């Protein structure tokens, strides 16, 4: 199902690139991400926001003067981190992401304001765990990193991606929504995406990607 979703997004992106009424350009931006985790009893695992970046290609097809279909192909970094008085732990993913959105555009003088919503598909190609203890701070005698939220980052034997304990799924899909401000060729976009896929299915917690991104888009052909 996930592969079909990825194939569908690729087909739509290709069709948009070859359609008339097409506007295309480049995307650069920053990301603020975390992995929302909940235990079987509904307890939240508090993590910190991790900053990253995205870069890619964007396209829009104008259906009507106020309605358009947008798609993009981005390389995006995301993950999360956990920090306490004794150590810093991080998980980093490098992924290719394909969002497909329907947008409603309102002109305001020389500007335009758009609201967008739609699904996305994501496949991670790079993954890395990092555990950095604070050497200047000595944990109390009874402290055990293995029994803290650091435990998933300490594992250097399990593969980052896979179907085993402490591993993550490569594929994710979910929904994204946002707002965009446009002026001639220049656009500033703010989006939030939430994954529907449990990316740690072999464990007793449920984990979903949560990402906010702020992007600059330059369209080569102004409309």
Protein backbone atom coordinates (compact mmCIF):
# COMPACT_ATOMS: atom_id res chain seq x y z
CA UNK A 1 0.00 0.00 0.00
CA UNK A 2 2.83 2.38 0.87
CA UNK A 3 4.62 1.58 -2.40
CA UNK A 4 1.40 2.23 -4.33
CA UNK A 5 1.06 5.57 -2.57
CA UNK A 6 4.65 6.44 -3.47
CA UNK A 7 4.10 5.39 -7.10
CA UNK A 8 0.87 7.41 -7.29
CA UNK A 9 2.64 10.52 -6.00
CA UNK A 10 5.44 10.08 -8.54
CA UNK A 11 2.96 9.72 -11.39
CA UNK A 12 1.03 12.82 -10.30
CA UNK A 13 4.26 14.79 -9.96
CA UNK A 14 5.32 13.76 -13.49
CA UNK A 15 1.92 14.66 -14.95
CA UNK A 16 2.00 18.07 -13.28
CA UNK A 17 5.47 18.75 -14.70
CA UNK A 18 4.21 18.03 -18.23
CA UNK A 19 0.91 19.91 -18.03
CA UNK A 20 0.10 23.32 -19.43
CA UNK A 21 -0.72 26.02 -16.90
CA UNK A 22 2.25 24.68 -14.98
CA UNK A 23 4.41 26.73 -12.62
CA UNK A 24 7.59 25.13 -11.34
CA UNK A 25 10.56 26.10 -9.24
CA UNK A 26 12.93 25.24 -6.40
CA UNK A 27 12.39 24.88 -2.66
CA UNK A 28 14.75 25.49 0.26
CA UNK A 29 13.78 25.63 3.90
CA UNK A 30 14.18 24.58 7.50
CA UNK A 31 12.42 21.87 9.49
CA UNK A 32 11.51 21.47 13.15
CA UNK A 33 10.68 17.87 13.92
CA UNK A 34 10.08 15.38 16.68
CA UNK A 35 8.76 11.85 17.04
CA UNK A 36 5.56 11.77 19.06
CA UNK A 37 5.67 8.67 21.22
CA UNK A 38 2.96 7.20 23.46
CA UNK A 39 3.04 4.09 25.58
CA UNK A 40 0.29 1.46 25.66
CA UNK A 41 -1.24 3.24 28.67
CA UNK A 42 -1.28 6.57 26.83
CA UNK A 43 1.75 8.10 28.56
CA UNK A 44 3.59 10.71 26.48
CA UNK A 45 7.37 10.47 26.06
CA UNK A 46 8.64 14.05 26.08
CA UNK A 47 11.23 14.79 23.40
CA UNK A 48 12.88 17.99 22.20
CA UNK A 49 12.47 19.57 18.77
CA UNK A 50 15.21 18.77 16.26
CA UNK A 51 16.14 21.31 13.58
CA UNK A 52 16.93 20.29 10.03
CA UNK A 53 16.60 21.39 6.40
CA UNK A 54 14.86 20.59 3.16
CA UNK A 55 15.69 21.17 -0.50
CA UNK A 56 13.84 20.16 -3.63
CA UNK A 57 11.62 20.94 -6.60
CA UNK A 58 8.08 22.29 -6.55
CA UNK A 59 5.29 22.49 -9.12
CA UNK A 60 1.77 23.88 -9.25
CA UNK A 61 -0.98 23.35 -11.77
CA UNK A 62 -3.61 26.08 -11.89
CA UNK A 63 -7.05 24.47 -12.14
CA UNK A 64 -8.95 27.74 -11.72
CA UNK A 65 -7.79 31.26 -10.90
CA UNK A 66 -8.29 30.49 -7.21
CA UNK A 67 -7.69 26.73 -7.12
CA UNK A 68 -4.52 24.76 -7.82
CA UNK A 69 -2.86 21.38 -7.39
CA UNK A 70 0.61 21.44 -5.88
CA UNK A 71 3.30 18.78 -5.65
CA UNK A 72 6.95 18.73 -4.67
CA UNK A 73 9.87 16.33 -4.41
CA UNK A 74 12.10 17.16 -1.44
CA UNK A 75 15.08 15.81 0.38
CA UNK A 76 14.27 16.48 4.03
CA UNK A 77 16.04 15.84 7.33
CA UNK A 78 14.05 15.08 10.47
CA UNK A 79 14.10 13.04 13.66
CA UNK A 80 14.12 13.98 17.33
CA UNK A 81 16.33 14.33 20.37
CA UNK A 82 16.26 13.77 24.11
CA UNK A 83 18.35 15.82 26.54
CA UNK A 84 18.72 15.71 30.31
CA UNK A 85 21.37 16.68 32.84
CA UNK A 86 23.61 13.75 31.91
CA UNK A 87 23.52 13.25 28.12
CA UNK A 88 22.19 14.25 24.70
CA UNK A 89 20.65 11.63 22.41
CA UNK A 90 19.52 12.12 18.80
CA UNK A 91 18.08 10.16 15.90
CA UNK A 92 18.56 11.66 12.41
CA UNK A 93 16.75 10.67 9.22
CA UNK A 94 17.43 11.80 5.67
CA UNK A 95 14.35 11.20 3.52
CA UNK A 96 12.77 11.81 0.15
CA UNK A 97 9.28 13.22 0.56
CA UNK A 98 6.41 13.69 -1.90
CA UNK A 99 3.57 15.91 -0.70
CA UNK A 100 0.49 16.40 -2.87
CA UNK A 101 -1.77 19.30 -1.92
CA UNK A 102 -4.88 21.09 -3.13
CA UNK A 103 -4.65 24.82 -2.59
CA UNK A 104 -7.14 27.70 -2.39
CA UNK A 105 -5.64 31.08 -3.30
CA UNK A 106 -6.90 34.55 -2.34
CA UNK A 107 -5.36 37.61 -4.11
CA UNK A 108 -4.71 40.65 -1.92
CA UNK A 109 -3.32 43.42 -4.08
CA UNK A 110 0.08 42.33 -5.41
CA UNK A 111 0.15 39.47 -2.93
CA UNK A 112 -1.63 36.13 -2.74
CA UNK A 113 -2.47 34.06 0.32
CA UNK A 114 -3.10 30.33 -0.04
CA UNK A 115 -4.30 27.55 2.21
CA UNK A 116 -3.21 24.00 1.32
CA UNK A 117 -3.96 20.49 2.51
CA UNK A 118 -3.21 17.00 1.26
CA UNK A 119 -1.37 13.71 1.80
CA UNK A 120 2.35 13.03 1.74
CA UNK A 121 4.55 9.96 1.28
CA UNK A 122 8.05 9.67 2.68
CA UNK A 123 10.88 7.13 2.41
CA UNK A 124 13.97 7.40 4.62
CA UNK A 125 17.29 6.61 2.93
CA UNK A 126 19.70 7.59 5.74
CA UNK A 127 19.47 7.03 9.49
CA UNK A 128 21.88 7.60 12.37
CA UNK A 129 21.72 7.35 16.16
CA UNK A 130 23.87 9.60 18.37
CA UNK A 131 24.51 9.38 22.11
CA UNK A 132 26.70 12.06 23.73
CA UNK A 133 27.24 11.82 27.50
CA UNK A 134 28.27 14.94 29.39
CA UNK A 135 31.72 14.07 30.64
CA UNK A 136 31.79 16.94 33.11
CA UNK A 137 28.65 15.65 34.86
CA UNK A 138 28.73 12.40 36.80
CA UNK A 139 25.29 10.70 37.14
CA UNK A 140 24.30 9.49 40.61
CA UNK A 141 25.31 5.94 41.48
CA UNK A 142 21.83 4.54 40.95
CA UNK A 143 21.42 6.19 37.50
CA UNK A 144 21.09 3.81 34.55
CA UNK A 145 20.96 5.12 30.99
CA UNK A 146 19.43 1.81 29.87
CA UNK A 147 16.33 2.52 31.96
CA UNK A 148 15.89 6.09 30.68
CA UNK A 149 14.61 7.49 27.36
CA UNK A 150 18.25 7.38 26.22
CA UNK A 151 18.00 3.59 25.86
CA UNK A 152 16.79 3.60 22.23
CA UNK A 153 19.77 5.78 21.19
CA UNK A 154 22.38 3.66 23.02
CA UNK A 155 21.72 0.63 20.79
CA UNK A 156 24.59 0.37 18.30
CA UNK A 157 23.94 -3.26 17.37
CA UNK A 158 20.44 -3.09 15.84
CA UNK A 159 19.98 -1.66 12.35
CA UNK A 160 18.41 1.80 12.30
CA UNK A 161 15.83 0.53 9.78
CA UNK A 162 14.15 -2.85 10.03
CA UNK A 163 11.55 -4.98 11.79
CA UNK A 164 13.44 -5.58 15.01
CA UNK A 165 13.46 -3.98 18.45
CA UNK A 166 14.83 -0.39 18.45
CA UNK A 167 14.56 -0.16 14.65
CA UNK A 168 12.43 2.18 12.56
CA UNK A 169 10.30 1.84 9.44
CA UNK A 170 11.63 3.52 6.32
CA UNK A 171 8.19 4.28 4.86
CA UNK A 172 5.81 6.87 6.26
CA UNK A 173 2.69 8.61 5.02
CA UNK A 174 0.31 11.11 6.53
CA UNK A 175 -1.31 14.48 6.04
CA UNK A 176 0.13 17.95 5.67
CA UNK A 177 -1.50 21.37 5.77
CA UNK A 178 -0.25 24.92 5.63
CA UNK A 179 -0.36 28.50 4.45
CA UNK A 180 1.58 30.25 1.71
CA UNK A 181 2.28 33.90 0.98
CA UNK A 182 3.18 34.78 -2.63
CA UNK A 183 4.62 37.84 -4.36
CA UNK A 184 5.43 37.46 -8.05
CA UNK A 185 7.97 34.61 -8.36
CA UNK A 186 8.58 34.45 -4.62
CA UNK A 187 6.64 32.37 -2.12
CA UNK A 188 6.98 31.75 1.60
CA UNK A 189 5.30 28.59 2.88
CA UNK A 190 4.63 27.24 6.38
CA UNK A 191 3.47 23.61 6.67
CA UNK A 192 2.76 21.08 9.38
CA UNK A 193 2.77 17.34 8.66
CA UNK A 194 1.76 14.44 10.89
CA UNK A 195 2.52 10.84 10.06
CA UNK A 196 -0.15 8.13 10.32
CA UNK A 197 2.33 5.24 10.25
CA UNK A 198 3.68 3.78 13.50
CA UNK A 199 7.39 3.88 12.67
CA UNK A 200 8.34 1.61 15.63
CA UNK A 201 5.75 -1.18 15.26
CA UNK A 202 7.78 -3.87 17.06
CA UNK A 203 7.70 -2.06 20.40
CA UNK A 204 5.26 -1.29 23.20
CA UNK A 205 5.03 2.38 22.22
CA UNK A 206 3.42 4.09 19.25
CA UNK A 207 5.65 6.53 17.36
CA UNK A 208 4.65 9.05 14.65
CA UNK A 209 6.58 11.73 12.81
CA UNK A 210 5.61 15.35 13.52
CA UNK A 211 7.24 18.07 11.39
CA UNK A 212 6.83 21.83 10.97
CA UNK A 213 8.66 23.39 8.05
CA UNK A 214 9.21 26.91 6.79
CA UNK A 215 10.13 27.07 3.11
CA UNK A 216 11.10 29.58 0.46
CA UNK A 217 9.91 28.73 -3.07
CA UNK A 218 11.08 30.44 -6.24
CA UNK A 219 8.97 29.83 -9.37
CA UNK A 220 10.87 30.26 -12.63
CA UNK A 221 7.73 31.23 -14.54
CA UNK A 222 5.79 34.00 -12.79
CA UNK A 223 1.98 33.95 -12.85
